[in-house]
Each structure stands twice: as structure tokens, then as C-alpha cells.
N, C-alpha and C. Protein backbone atom coordinates (compact mmCIF):
# COMPACT_ATOMS: atom_id res chain seq x y z
N MET A 1 29.38 80.81 76.86
CA MET A 1 29.79 81.00 75.47
C MET A 1 30.54 79.75 75.01
N GLY A 2 30.38 79.33 73.75
CA GLY A 2 31.08 78.16 73.26
C GLY A 2 32.53 78.40 73.07
N ILE A 3 33.26 77.29 72.92
CA ILE A 3 34.75 77.41 72.80
C ILE A 3 35.15 78.21 71.57
N ILE A 4 34.48 78.01 70.47
CA ILE A 4 34.83 78.81 69.26
C ILE A 4 34.56 80.28 69.48
N LYS A 5 33.45 80.62 70.05
CA LYS A 5 33.16 82.03 70.34
C LYS A 5 34.21 82.62 71.31
N ASP A 6 34.54 81.81 72.32
CA ASP A 6 35.55 82.28 73.29
C ASP A 6 36.89 82.56 72.66
N ARG A 7 37.33 81.64 71.77
CA ARG A 7 38.58 81.86 71.05
C ARG A 7 38.54 83.06 70.17
N PHE A 8 37.42 83.21 69.43
CA PHE A 8 37.24 84.31 68.53
C PHE A 8 37.31 85.65 69.32
N LYS A 9 36.55 85.71 70.44
CA LYS A 9 36.55 86.90 71.23
C LYS A 9 37.97 87.25 71.75
N GLU A 10 38.66 86.23 72.20
CA GLU A 10 40.02 86.43 72.67
C GLU A 10 40.91 87.04 71.58
N LYS A 11 40.86 86.48 70.40
CA LYS A 11 41.67 87.03 69.29
C LYS A 11 41.19 88.41 68.85
N ALA A 12 39.85 88.60 68.80
CA ALA A 12 39.32 89.91 68.38
C ALA A 12 39.67 90.96 69.41
N ASP A 13 39.65 90.63 70.66
CA ASP A 13 40.04 91.64 71.69
C ASP A 13 41.51 92.03 71.54
N ALA A 14 42.36 91.06 71.25
CA ALA A 14 43.79 91.34 71.08
C ALA A 14 44.05 92.24 69.87
N VAL A 15 43.33 91.96 68.76
CA VAL A 15 43.47 92.76 67.55
C VAL A 15 42.90 94.17 67.78
N ALA A 16 41.80 94.25 68.50
CA ALA A 16 41.22 95.57 68.83
C ALA A 16 42.21 96.44 69.59
N LEU A 17 42.96 95.81 70.56
CA LEU A 17 43.97 96.56 71.29
C LEU A 17 45.08 97.00 70.37
N GLU A 18 45.51 96.14 69.46
CA GLU A 18 46.58 96.51 68.46
C GLU A 18 46.09 97.69 67.66
N ILE A 19 44.87 97.63 67.18
CA ILE A 19 44.36 98.74 66.34
C ILE A 19 44.27 100.02 67.13
N LYS A 20 43.80 99.91 68.37
CA LYS A 20 43.70 101.09 69.26
C LYS A 20 45.09 101.77 69.41
N ASP A 21 46.11 100.93 69.72
CA ASP A 21 47.45 101.44 69.86
C ASP A 21 47.99 102.04 68.53
N LEU A 22 47.69 101.39 67.41
CA LEU A 22 48.09 101.89 66.13
C LEU A 22 47.48 103.23 65.83
N LEU A 23 46.18 103.32 66.13
CA LEU A 23 45.49 104.61 65.91
C LEU A 23 46.00 105.73 66.80
N LYS A 24 46.30 105.36 68.09
CA LYS A 24 46.80 106.32 69.02
C LYS A 24 48.17 106.92 68.54
N GLU A 25 49.02 106.04 68.03
CA GLU A 25 50.36 106.47 67.63
C GLU A 25 50.35 107.06 66.20
N HIS A 26 49.58 106.51 65.29
CA HIS A 26 49.66 106.91 63.88
C HIS A 26 48.35 107.31 63.27
N GLY A 27 47.30 107.53 64.04
CA GLY A 27 45.99 107.83 63.49
C GLY A 27 45.86 109.00 62.56
N ASN A 28 46.79 109.98 62.66
CA ASN A 28 46.68 111.17 61.81
C ASN A 28 47.65 111.11 60.61
N LYS A 29 48.38 110.02 60.48
CA LYS A 29 49.29 109.91 59.33
C LYS A 29 48.50 109.73 58.08
N VAL A 30 48.91 110.40 57.05
CA VAL A 30 48.19 110.34 55.77
C VAL A 30 48.62 109.14 54.95
N ILE A 31 47.61 108.44 54.47
CA ILE A 31 47.82 107.24 53.62
C ILE A 31 47.17 107.61 52.32
N GLY A 32 47.93 108.03 51.34
CA GLY A 32 47.32 108.49 50.11
C GLY A 32 46.57 109.76 50.41
N GLU A 33 45.29 109.73 50.16
CA GLU A 33 44.45 110.92 50.39
C GLU A 33 43.54 110.74 51.61
N VAL A 34 43.75 109.75 52.41
CA VAL A 34 42.94 109.49 53.61
C VAL A 34 43.84 109.28 54.82
N THR A 35 43.28 109.34 56.01
CA THR A 35 44.05 109.09 57.24
C THR A 35 43.75 107.68 57.76
N LEU A 36 44.64 107.19 58.58
CA LEU A 36 44.42 105.89 59.23
C LEU A 36 43.12 105.93 60.06
N SER A 37 42.86 107.04 60.70
CA SER A 37 41.63 107.15 61.49
C SER A 37 40.39 106.95 60.61
N GLN A 38 40.40 107.50 59.41
CA GLN A 38 39.27 107.29 58.49
C GLN A 38 39.09 105.85 58.15
N ILE A 39 40.20 105.15 57.98
CA ILE A 39 40.11 103.73 57.57
C ILE A 39 39.45 102.88 58.69
N TYR A 40 39.93 103.09 59.94
CA TYR A 40 39.45 102.25 61.03
C TYR A 40 38.25 102.79 61.79
N GLN A 41 37.85 103.99 61.47
CA GLN A 41 36.69 104.58 62.24
C GLN A 41 35.53 104.99 61.35
N GLY A 42 35.11 104.07 60.51
CA GLY A 42 33.87 104.29 59.77
C GLY A 42 34.04 104.58 58.27
N MET A 43 35.22 104.71 57.79
CA MET A 43 35.48 104.93 56.36
C MET A 43 34.80 106.21 55.89
N ARG A 44 34.74 107.21 56.75
CA ARG A 44 34.04 108.46 56.41
C ARG A 44 34.71 109.23 55.27
N GLY A 45 33.91 109.56 54.24
CA GLY A 45 34.43 110.38 53.17
C GLY A 45 35.41 109.67 52.24
N MET A 46 35.41 108.37 52.19
CA MET A 46 36.37 107.65 51.36
C MET A 46 35.84 106.33 50.88
N SER A 47 36.46 105.82 49.86
CA SER A 47 36.16 104.46 49.39
C SER A 47 37.34 103.58 49.70
N GLY A 48 37.14 102.40 50.23
CA GLY A 48 38.28 101.52 50.60
C GLY A 48 37.82 100.30 51.35
N LEU A 49 38.77 99.45 51.62
CA LEU A 49 38.49 98.24 52.37
C LEU A 49 39.68 97.81 53.16
N VAL A 50 39.45 97.46 54.44
CA VAL A 50 40.50 96.87 55.24
C VAL A 50 40.06 95.41 55.46
N SER A 51 40.96 94.49 55.04
CA SER A 51 40.58 93.04 55.16
C SER A 51 41.82 92.27 55.52
N GLU A 52 41.64 91.38 56.55
CA GLU A 52 42.74 90.53 56.97
C GLU A 52 42.31 89.08 56.98
N THR A 53 41.41 88.74 56.12
CA THR A 53 40.82 87.39 56.15
C THR A 53 41.54 86.39 55.28
N SER A 54 42.14 86.79 54.16
CA SER A 54 42.71 85.84 53.30
C SER A 54 44.02 86.37 52.63
N LEU A 55 44.83 85.43 52.11
CA LEU A 55 46.04 85.80 51.45
C LEU A 55 46.21 84.83 50.27
N LEU A 56 46.55 85.37 49.10
CA LEU A 56 46.76 84.52 47.95
C LEU A 56 48.26 84.52 47.68
N ASP A 57 48.89 83.36 47.90
CA ASP A 57 50.32 83.21 47.77
C ASP A 57 50.62 82.35 46.56
N ALA A 58 51.60 82.72 45.75
CA ALA A 58 51.91 81.97 44.53
C ALA A 58 52.37 80.52 44.85
N GLN A 59 53.01 80.34 45.97
CA GLN A 59 53.52 79.00 46.36
C GLN A 59 52.54 78.17 47.17
N ASP A 60 51.92 78.83 48.17
CA ASP A 60 51.03 78.13 49.10
C ASP A 60 49.56 78.14 48.72
N GLY A 61 49.17 78.96 47.75
CA GLY A 61 47.75 79.04 47.40
C GLY A 61 47.01 79.96 48.34
N ILE A 62 45.74 79.82 48.46
CA ILE A 62 44.90 80.69 49.27
C ILE A 62 44.96 80.23 50.73
N ARG A 63 45.10 81.25 51.60
CA ARG A 63 45.10 80.99 53.04
C ARG A 63 44.04 81.89 53.67
N PHE A 64 43.18 81.33 54.50
CA PHE A 64 42.13 82.08 55.23
C PHE A 64 42.58 82.14 56.68
N ARG A 65 42.79 83.38 57.17
CA ARG A 65 43.23 83.60 58.54
C ARG A 65 44.37 82.67 58.93
N GLY A 66 45.32 82.49 58.00
CA GLY A 66 46.53 81.70 58.24
C GLY A 66 46.42 80.22 57.92
N TYR A 67 45.24 79.73 57.56
CA TYR A 67 45.08 78.30 57.27
C TYR A 67 44.95 78.06 55.76
N SER A 68 45.58 77.04 55.29
CA SER A 68 45.41 76.63 53.86
C SER A 68 44.07 75.91 53.75
N ILE A 69 43.58 75.72 52.54
CA ILE A 69 42.34 75.08 52.32
C ILE A 69 42.41 73.58 52.82
N PRO A 70 43.48 72.84 52.51
CA PRO A 70 43.57 71.51 53.07
C PRO A 70 43.56 71.48 54.59
N GLU A 71 44.23 72.45 55.23
CA GLU A 71 44.23 72.53 56.70
C GLU A 71 42.79 72.77 57.21
N LEU A 72 42.09 73.63 56.58
CA LEU A 72 40.71 73.89 56.97
C LEU A 72 39.86 72.62 56.86
N ARG A 73 40.00 71.90 55.76
CA ARG A 73 39.25 70.69 55.58
C ARG A 73 39.59 69.65 56.62
N GLU A 74 40.87 69.56 57.00
CA GLU A 74 41.32 68.60 57.99
C GLU A 74 40.91 68.93 59.41
N ASN A 75 41.01 70.20 59.78
CA ASN A 75 40.94 70.60 61.17
C ASN A 75 39.59 71.12 61.66
N PHE A 76 38.70 71.43 60.77
CA PHE A 76 37.45 72.08 61.12
C PHE A 76 36.26 71.20 60.80
N GLN A 77 35.23 71.30 61.58
CA GLN A 77 34.04 70.49 61.32
C GLN A 77 33.37 70.93 60.02
N ARG A 78 32.82 69.96 59.35
CA ARG A 78 32.16 70.29 58.10
C ARG A 78 30.63 70.54 58.38
N PRO A 79 30.09 71.45 57.60
CA PRO A 79 28.63 71.62 57.75
C PRO A 79 27.93 70.36 57.23
N ARG A 80 26.72 70.18 57.67
CA ARG A 80 26.00 68.98 57.21
C ARG A 80 25.84 68.93 55.71
N GLU A 81 25.72 70.08 55.07
CA GLU A 81 25.58 70.14 53.62
C GLU A 81 26.24 71.40 53.17
N GLU A 82 27.12 71.33 52.13
CA GLU A 82 27.75 72.56 51.65
C GLU A 82 26.75 73.45 51.02
N PRO A 83 26.81 74.75 51.27
CA PRO A 83 25.86 75.70 50.70
C PRO A 83 26.24 75.85 49.18
N SER A 84 25.21 75.97 48.39
CA SER A 84 25.41 76.17 46.96
C SER A 84 24.20 76.87 46.39
N HIS A 85 24.44 77.76 45.42
CA HIS A 85 23.31 78.42 44.79
C HIS A 85 22.87 77.65 43.55
N TYR A 86 23.56 76.53 43.26
CA TYR A 86 23.20 75.67 42.15
C TYR A 86 22.27 74.56 42.58
N PRO A 87 21.32 74.15 41.73
CA PRO A 87 20.51 72.99 42.11
C PRO A 87 21.39 71.75 42.27
N LYS A 88 20.97 70.84 43.10
CA LYS A 88 21.80 69.62 43.39
C LYS A 88 22.17 68.85 42.16
N ASP A 89 21.32 68.81 41.11
CA ASP A 89 21.58 68.05 39.91
C ASP A 89 22.23 68.87 38.82
N TYR A 90 22.68 70.08 39.11
CA TYR A 90 23.22 71.00 38.07
C TYR A 90 24.46 70.40 37.39
N PHE A 91 25.36 69.76 38.16
CA PHE A 91 26.61 69.25 37.56
C PHE A 91 26.55 67.83 37.13
N THR A 92 25.44 67.19 37.17
CA THR A 92 25.30 65.76 36.70
C THR A 92 24.75 65.66 35.34
């Protein structure tokens, strides 16, 4: 497995253990009209979303998994071409 996949798996496994412990201790606690178990175990009978991918901060701007956009640009490899649904000459 590649280094990125290894790191992702490591972090995902740690988060999975945290969620398992959270569900074990608090899975039947009511959150509004749904339970924590419903949120993390298939969203049965409810509408909702659990997301931990980004944060919009008034001072720091958008952060994805803890990284600012400038940090992402600096520290991560760029794709060969940025994806876009616009034709290449759309903005010229």
C-alpha cells in the first residue's frame, strides 16, 4: 500500500475506534429526534449529515481536515491538470 493510503488507514482506524467507543458509551442518547446510533449506523429513518472534512473560520478561512488552502497548495502534490467543468477557453 502507498504511503498516503497507509497514513489514511492509520487515521481512519483511530477515528473508527473513537466512534465505536462513543457509540458504546452514548449510542442511545437522544440528539433532537434521533439517536447517536442512527447517525453513525446508516442514518435509518432520518435526514442528516455527519461531516468532519472542512471548517469555515471567520479569521482563518476554509480549512480541509485541518489544513488551510495555502497549506494544501504548498504541501501536497498538484494534479497534472485541475479538473473543471468549464471549457479551457471559457474565462479568456
